C-alpha atoms as a PDB file:
ATOM      1  CA  MET A   1     -69.585   9.287 253.923  1.00  0.00           C
ATOM      2  CA  GLU A   2     -69.616   5.770 251.699  1.00  0.00           C
ATOM      3  CA  LEU A   3     -66.532   5.101 250.333  1.00  0.00           C
ATOM      4  CA  ALA A   4     -66.080   4.333 246.358  1.00  0.00           C
ATOM      5  CA  ARG A   5     -65.526   0.957 244.942  1.00  0.00           C
ATOM      6  CA  ILE A   6     -61.836   0.942 243.577  1.00  0.00           C
ATOM      7  CA  GLU A   7     -63.510  -0.781 240.230  1.00  0.00           C
ATOM      8  CA  THR A   8     -64.709   2.909 239.944  1.00  0.00           C
ATOM      9  CA  PHE A   9     -60.698   4.585 239.442  1.00  0.00           C
ATOM     10  CA  VAL A  10     -59.110   1.664 238.150  1.00  0.00           C
ATOM     11  CA  LYS A  11     -58.620   0.075 234.672  1.00  0.00           C
ATOM     12  CA  VAL A  12     -60.090  -3.556 235.191  1.00  0.00           C
ATOM     13  CA  GLN A  13     -57.952  -5.326 232.579  1.00  0.00           C
ATOM     14  CA  PRO A  14     -55.101  -7.823 232.922  1.00  0.00           C
ATOM     15  CA  ALA A  15     -51.650  -6.021 232.420  1.00  0.00           C
ATOM     16  CA  ASP A  16     -49.994  -6.975 228.890  1.00  0.00           C
ATOM     17  CA  ILE A  17     -47.202  -9.121 230.191  1.00  0.00           C
ATOM     18  CA  GLY A  18     -45.892  -9.477 226.830  1.00  0.00           C
ATOM     19  CA  GLY A  19     -46.081  -5.824 225.687  1.00  0.00           C
ATOM     20  CA  ALA A  20     -45.364  -2.538 226.327  1.00  0.00           C
ATOM     21  CA  ASP A  21     -47.375  -2.972 229.967  1.00  0.00           C
ATOM     22  CA  MET A  22     -44.032  -4.656 231.037  1.00  0.00           C
ATOM     23  CA  LEU A  23     -41.136  -3.268 229.089  1.00  0.00           C
ATOM     24  CA  VAL A  24     -40.527  -0.617 231.883  1.00  0.00           C
ATOM     25  CA  ALA A  25     -40.405  -3.176 234.513  1.00  0.00           C
ATOM     26  CA  ARG A  26     -38.135  -5.711 232.319  1.00  0.00           C
ATOM     27  CA  CYS A  27     -35.756  -2.556 232.018  1.00  0.00           C
ATOM     28  CA  LEU A  28     -35.631  -1.434 235.351  1.00  0.00           C
ATOM     29  CA  ALA A  29     -34.581  -5.337 236.245  1.00  0.00           C
ATOM     30  CA  ALA A  30     -32.134  -5.337 233.492  1.00  0.00           C
ATOM     31  CA  ALA A  31     -30.637  -1.931 235.143  1.00  0.00           C
ATOM     32  CA  ALA A  32     -30.583  -3.189 238.534  1.00  0.00           C
ATOM     33  CA  ASP A  33     -28.191  -5.740 236.895  1.00  0.00           C
ATOM     34  CA  GLY A  34     -26.272  -3.532 234.853  1.00  0.00           C
ATOM     35  CA  ASP A  35     -27.455  -3.336 231.526  1.00  0.00           C
ATOM     36  CA  ILE A  36     -26.560  -0.178 229.632  1.00  0.00           C
ATOM     37  CA  ASP A  37     -28.955  -0.757 227.017  1.00  0.00           C
ATOM     38  CA  ALA A  38     -31.895  -0.748 229.205  1.00  0.00           C
ATOM     39  CA  CYS A  39     -30.616   2.514 230.826  1.00  0.00           C
ATOM     40  CA  TYR A  40     -31.084   3.800 227.500  1.00  0.00           C
ATOM     41  CA  ASP A  41     -33.996   2.307 226.467  1.00  0.00           C
ATOM     42  CA  LEU A  42     -35.420   3.856 229.707  1.00  0.00           C
ATOM     43  CA  GLY A  43     -34.221   7.205 228.421  1.00  0.00           C
ATOM     44  CA  VAL A  44     -35.652   6.895 225.662  1.00  0.00           C
ATOM     45  CA  ALA A  45     -39.540   5.600 227.081  1.00  0.00           C
ATOM     46  CA  TYR A  46     -39.177   8.529 229.627  1.00  0.00           C
ATOM     47  CA  SER A  47     -38.179  11.539 226.595  1.00  0.00           C
ATOM     48  CA  THR A  48     -40.900  10.372 224.486  1.00  0.00           C
ATOM     49  CA  GLY A  49     -43.691   9.468 226.823  1.00  0.00           C
ATOM     50  CA  SER A  50     -44.137   5.856 225.504  1.00  0.00           C
ATOM     51  CA  HIS A  51     -44.418   2.572 226.650  1.00  0.00           C
ATOM     52  CA  GLY A  52     -47.026   3.230 229.546  1.00  0.00           C
ATOM     53  CA  VAL A  53     -44.605   6.072 230.846  1.00  0.00           C
ATOM     54  CA  ASN A  54     -45.546   9.886 230.894  1.00  0.00           C
ATOM     55  CA  CYS A  55     -42.693  12.236 229.090  1.00  0.00           C
ATOM     56  CA  ASP A  56     -40.250  13.058 232.115  1.00  0.00           C
ATOM     57  CA  MET A  57     -37.208  14.661 231.046  1.00  0.00           C
ATOM     58  CA  ILE A  58     -35.471  14.660 234.298  1.00  0.00           C
ATOM     59  CA  GLU A  59     -36.231  11.085 234.544  1.00  0.00           C
ATOM     60  CA  ALA A  60     -34.850  10.526 230.662  1.00  0.00           C
ATOM     61  CA  HIS A  61     -31.999  12.630 231.618  1.00  0.00           C
ATOM     62  CA  LYS A  62     -31.186  10.081 234.542  1.00  0.00           C
ATOM     63  CA  TRP A  63     -31.356   7.273 232.248  1.00  0.00           C
ATOM     64  CA  PHE A  64     -29.266   8.343 229.601  1.00  0.00           C
ATOM     65  CA  ASN A  65     -26.601   9.961 231.972  1.00  0.00           C
ATOM     66  CA  LEU A  66     -26.646   6.376 233.748  1.00  0.00           C
ATOM     67  CA  ALA A  67     -26.046   4.747 230.078  1.00  0.00           C
ATOM     68  CA  ALA A  68     -23.636   7.410 229.109  1.00  0.00           C
ATOM     69  CA  ALA A  69     -21.516   7.207 232.131  1.00  0.00           C
ATOM     70  CA  GLN A  70     -20.883   3.643 231.008  1.00  0.00           C
ATOM     71  CA  GLY A  71     -19.912   4.518 227.489  1.00  0.00           C
ATOM     72  CA  HIS A  72     -23.158   4.251 225.760  1.00  0.00           C
ATOM     73  CA  GLU A  73     -22.263   6.653 222.887  1.00  0.00           C
ATOM     74  CA  ALA A  74     -26.260   7.111 221.834  1.00  0.00           C
ATOM     75  CA  ALA A  75     -27.164   7.853 225.633  1.00  0.00           C
ATOM     76  CA  SER A  76     -24.499  10.727 225.676  1.00  0.00           C
ATOM     77  CA  TRP A  77     -26.132  12.247 222.220  1.00  0.00           C
ATOM     78  CA  CYS A  78     -29.514  11.917 223.898  1.00  0.00           C
ATOM     79  CA  ARG A  79     -28.406  13.742 227.072  1.00  0.00           C
ATOM     80  CA  ALA A  80     -27.132  16.253 225.407  1.00  0.00           C
ATOM     81  CA  ASP A  81     -30.153  16.761 223.299  1.00  0.00           C
ATOM     82  CA  ILE A  82     -32.523  16.907 226.164  1.00  0.00           C
ATOM     83  CA  SER A  83     -30.348  18.997 228.409  1.00  0.00           C
ATOM     84  CA  ASP A  84     -30.911  21.694 226.016  1.00  0.00           C
ATOM     85  CA  GLU A  85     -34.550  21.534 227.092  1.00  0.00           C
ATOM     86  CA  MET A  86     -34.183  21.433 230.522  1.00  0.00           C
ATOM     87  CA  THR A  87     -33.476  24.224 233.172  1.00  0.00           C
ATOM     88  CA  ALA A  88     -30.430  24.179 235.371  1.00  0.00           C
ATOM     89  CA  ARG A  89     -32.325  23.127 238.114  1.00  0.00           C
ATOM     90  CA  GLU A  90     -33.883  19.908 236.415  1.00  0.00           C
ATOM     91  CA  ILE A  91     -30.820  18.925 235.261  1.00  0.00           C
ATOM     92  CA  SER A  92     -29.474  19.226 238.910  1.00  0.00           C
ATOM     93  CA  GLU A  93     -32.522  17.262 240.003  1.00  0.00           C
ATOM     94  CA  ALA A  94     -31.627  14.105 236.937  1.00  0.00           C
ATOM     95  CA  GLN A  95     -28.346  14.292 238.562  1.00  0.00           C
ATOM     96  CA  ARG A  96     -29.300  14.006 242.122  1.00  0.00           C
ATOM     97  CA  ARG A  97     -31.431  10.795 240.850  1.00  0.00           C
ATOM     98  CA  ALA A  98     -28.794   9.023 239.149  1.00  0.00           C
ATOM     99  CA  ARG A  99     -26.441   9.179 242.206  1.00  0.00           C
ATOM    100  CA  GLU A 100     -29.209   7.459 244.749  1.00  0.00           C
ATOM    101  CA  TRP A 101     -29.789   5.227 241.582  1.00  0.00           C
ATOM    102  CA  LEU A 102     -26.002   4.414 242.024  1.00  0.00           C
ATOM    103  CA  ARG A 103     -25.808   4.135 245.658  1.00  0.00           C
ATOM    104  CA  THR A 104     -29.257   2.461 246.344  1.00  0.00           C
ATOM    105  CA  GLY A 105     -27.602  -0.024 243.675  1.00  0.00           C
ATOM    106  CA  ASN A 106     -24.209  -0.473 245.191  1.00  0.00           C
ATOM    107  CA  ALA A 107     -25.903  -0.895 248.840  1.00  0.00           C
ATOM    108  CA  ARG A 108     -27.879  -3.633 247.335  1.00  0.00           C
ATOM    109  CA  ALA A 109     -24.966  -5.817 245.751  1.00  0.00           C
ATOM    110  CA  ALA A 110     -23.338  -5.289 249.265  1.00  0.00           C
END
């Protein structure tokens, strides 16, 4: 069996390092440093499926939850809004992921 060339399966273009391709990466780095606005922006990206990410309400809830826990009022409203569209199991998973993010963040700081 011949292995397929990787170029057949990937986009052979450089990433747009100034635009949407890098927004999520920049927000993740800022969120790791405790930027609540970055957490909110990640929630927006995941809830709308924008900036190169797929729509994922569990991830959106996680990020809105992390921002809301630090006092971001709009994140609280967004979290409540998307919770109406989620099952209890999905919300539980989002909360588990938020706790994991906090736990690993505290481990990095130590």
